[in-house]
Amino acid sequence: MSVLAELFAGTHPEAVARAEALDEGSPPPPGPHVELPTITPLDLEQLGEIAARAVRFGVGDLELAEVDLDHDLLFRLPDFLCEVLVALGADEDQDLLAEVAEEWGATEELSVPGADLTPLLRQIVALVTAAADDEGVYLWIESP
């Protein structure tokens, strides 16, 4: 399965360096990441909406933003989305994450219908939770 997207944590310069390597097809610098075969910024925004409802987190900015003019397929997850995902991972209800993954997998736009997204969501939550305070969480998408 080829990697079409990658979620990773790092500083802005680290994110740009990783995006450059990924754009070139070179091995990126080592660092925590999650390979995403079919996930888009819209898919992550929808995940944020579902997760925010599930953890009763309220509303906030869920739109991923482009972060570099030279890398128009490099996005930064907004702080609110990261906070929601951390709250989802910390929730006492052990079934909540699987329920969110199931609802996320049922969205029309998601290009992996019927797949069990629980393991992927666990990886995403773990990555976001482990990101240091001075790091952002970024999404890189392969050029079409």
Protein backbone atom coordinates (compact mmCIF):
# COMPACT_ATOMS: atom_id res chain seq x y z
CA MET A 1 0.00 0.00 0.00
CA SER A 2 1.54 3.31 -1.02
CA VAL A 3 1.62 6.24 1.31
CA LEU A 4 -0.59 9.05 0.07
CA ALA A 5 -0.40 11.13 3.23
CA GLU A 6 1.55 11.33 6.45
CA LEU A 7 0.74 12.85 9.81
CA PHE A 8 3.72 13.88 11.92
CA ALA A 9 4.79 16.09 14.81
CA GLY A 10 7.58 18.63 14.72
CA THR A 11 8.56 22.26 14.62
CA HIS A 12 7.81 24.33 11.53
CA PRO A 13 11.36 23.95 10.12
CA GLU A 14 11.21 20.19 10.76
CA ALA A 15 7.84 20.00 9.02
CA VAL A 16 9.16 21.82 5.96
CA ALA A 17 12.26 19.59 5.83
CA ARG A 18 10.12 16.45 6.12
CA ALA A 19 7.72 17.70 3.43
CA GLU A 20 10.65 18.42 1.09
CA ALA A 21 12.01 14.91 1.56
CA LEU A 22 8.59 13.34 1.07
CA ASP A 23 7.95 15.49 -2.03
CA GLU A 24 11.23 14.27 -3.51
CA GLY A 25 10.52 10.65 -2.64
CA SER A 26 13.55 10.59 -0.35
CA PRO A 27 13.54 9.03 3.11
CA PRO A 28 12.35 11.73 5.51
CA PRO A 29 14.24 12.62 8.67
CA PRO A 30 13.44 10.26 11.54
CA GLY A 31 10.59 11.27 13.76
CA PRO A 32 7.19 10.22 15.01
CA HIS A 33 4.69 9.84 12.19
CA VAL A 34 1.63 7.95 11.03
CA GLU A 35 1.29 6.87 7.42
CA LEU A 36 -2.17 7.59 6.06
CA PRO A 37 -3.00 5.83 2.81
CA THR A 38 -6.16 7.80 1.96
CA ILE A 39 -6.83 10.55 4.53
CA THR A 40 -7.37 14.19 3.47
CA PRO A 41 -7.60 17.46 5.43
CA LEU A 42 -11.39 17.30 5.14
CA ASP A 43 -11.38 13.79 6.61
CA LEU A 44 -9.44 15.04 9.65
CA GLU A 45 -11.79 17.99 10.04
CA GLN A 46 -14.74 15.58 10.06
CA LEU A 47 -12.94 13.43 12.60
CA GLY A 48 -12.57 16.54 14.74
CA GLU A 49 -16.29 17.28 14.57
CA ILE A 50 -17.18 13.72 15.56
CA ALA A 51 -14.59 13.57 18.34
CA ALA A 52 -15.55 17.00 19.73
CA ARG A 53 -19.17 15.86 20.02
CA ALA A 54 -18.11 12.58 21.61
CA VAL A 55 -16.00 14.20 24.32
CA ARG A 56 -18.43 17.14 24.69
CA PHE A 57 -15.66 19.57 23.90
CA GLY A 58 -17.73 22.30 22.30
CA VAL A 59 -16.80 23.98 19.05
CA GLY A 60 -13.61 25.48 17.75
CA ASP A 61 -11.33 25.75 14.74
CA LEU A 62 -11.03 22.42 12.94
CA GLU A 63 -9.79 23.66 9.57
CA LEU A 64 -6.31 22.54 8.66
CA ALA A 65 -4.19 25.42 7.37
CA GLU A 66 -1.51 25.50 4.71
CA VAL A 67 1.72 26.47 6.41
CA ASP A 68 4.26 27.15 3.68
CA LEU A 69 3.92 28.79 0.27
CA ASP A 70 6.39 26.35 -1.29
CA HIS A 71 4.51 23.33 0.06
CA ASP A 72 0.84 23.72 -0.74
CA LEU A 73 0.12 20.15 0.37
CA LEU A 74 1.55 20.60 3.86
CA PHE A 75 -1.05 21.45 6.50
CA ARG A 76 -0.96 22.13 10.23
CA LEU A 77 -3.66 20.77 12.51
CA PRO A 78 -5.23 23.55 14.56
CA ASP A 79 -4.68 23.52 18.31
CA PHE A 80 -8.38 22.89 18.96
CA LEU A 81 -8.35 19.72 16.86
CA CYS A 82 -5.25 18.50 18.68
CA GLU A 83 -6.85 19.22 22.06
CA VAL A 84 -9.97 17.29 21.04
CA LEU A 85 -7.92 14.27 19.96
CA VAL A 86 -5.92 14.32 23.20
CA ALA A 87 -9.18 14.48 25.17
CA LEU A 88 -10.53 11.55 23.17
CA GLY A 89 -7.47 9.49 24.04
CA ALA A 90 -7.71 10.42 27.72
CA ASP A 91 -11.44 9.69 28.06
CA GLU A 92 -12.34 7.10 30.69
CA ASP A 93 -14.85 5.37 28.38
CA GLN A 94 -12.76 2.63 26.79
CA ASP A 95 -15.28 2.16 23.96
CA LEU A 96 -15.48 5.82 22.97
CA LEU A 97 -12.49 5.79 20.64
CA ALA A 98 -13.89 2.79 18.74
CA GLU A 99 -17.30 4.47 18.53
CA VAL A 100 -15.72 7.63 17.10
CA ALA A 101 -13.72 5.53 14.62
CA GLU A 102 -16.88 3.74 13.51
CA GLU A 103 -18.79 7.00 13.00
CA TRP A 104 -15.79 8.51 11.20
CA GLY A 105 -15.59 5.49 8.89
CA ALA A 106 -19.26 5.92 8.01
CA THR A 107 -18.85 9.46 6.67
CA GLU A 108 -19.58 9.77 2.96
CA GLU A 109 -16.40 11.59 2.00
CA LEU A 110 -13.99 9.20 3.70
CA SER A 111 -12.37 7.04 1.07
CA VAL A 112 -12.02 3.93 3.25
CA PRO A 113 -15.66 2.95 3.80
CA GLY A 114 -16.29 -0.13 5.90
CA ALA A 115 -12.72 -0.29 7.16
CA ASP A 116 -12.07 -0.55 10.89
CA LEU A 117 -10.41 2.77 11.59
CA THR A 118 -9.90 2.12 15.30
CA PRO A 119 -6.20 1.14 15.00
CA LEU A 120 -5.51 4.15 12.77
CA LEU A 121 -7.35 6.48 15.13
CA ARG A 122 -5.36 5.07 18.08
CA GLN A 123 -2.13 5.88 16.19
CA ILE A 124 -3.34 9.40 15.38
CA VAL A 125 -4.36 10.06 18.99
CA ALA A 126 -1.04 8.68 20.29
CA LEU A 127 0.95 10.89 17.89
CA VAL A 128 -0.99 14.03 18.78
CA THR A 129 -0.77 13.23 22.50
CA ALA A 130 3.00 12.70 22.32
CA ALA A 131 3.68 15.94 20.44
CA ALA A 132 5.75 18.31 22.56
CA ASP A 133 4.43 21.73 23.54
CA ASP A 134 6.75 23.45 21.06
CA GLU A 135 5.71 21.16 18.20
CA GLY A 136 2.82 21.24 15.82
CA VAL A 137 1.09 18.31 14.17
CA TYR A 138 1.27 18.38 10.40
CA LEU A 139 -0.38 16.57 7.51
CA TRP A 140 1.56 16.08 4.28
CA ILE A 141 -0.28 14.87 1.19
CA GLU A 142 1.36 13.37 -1.87
CA SER A 143 1.01 15.49 -5.02
CA PRO A 144 -1.65 14.12 -7.36
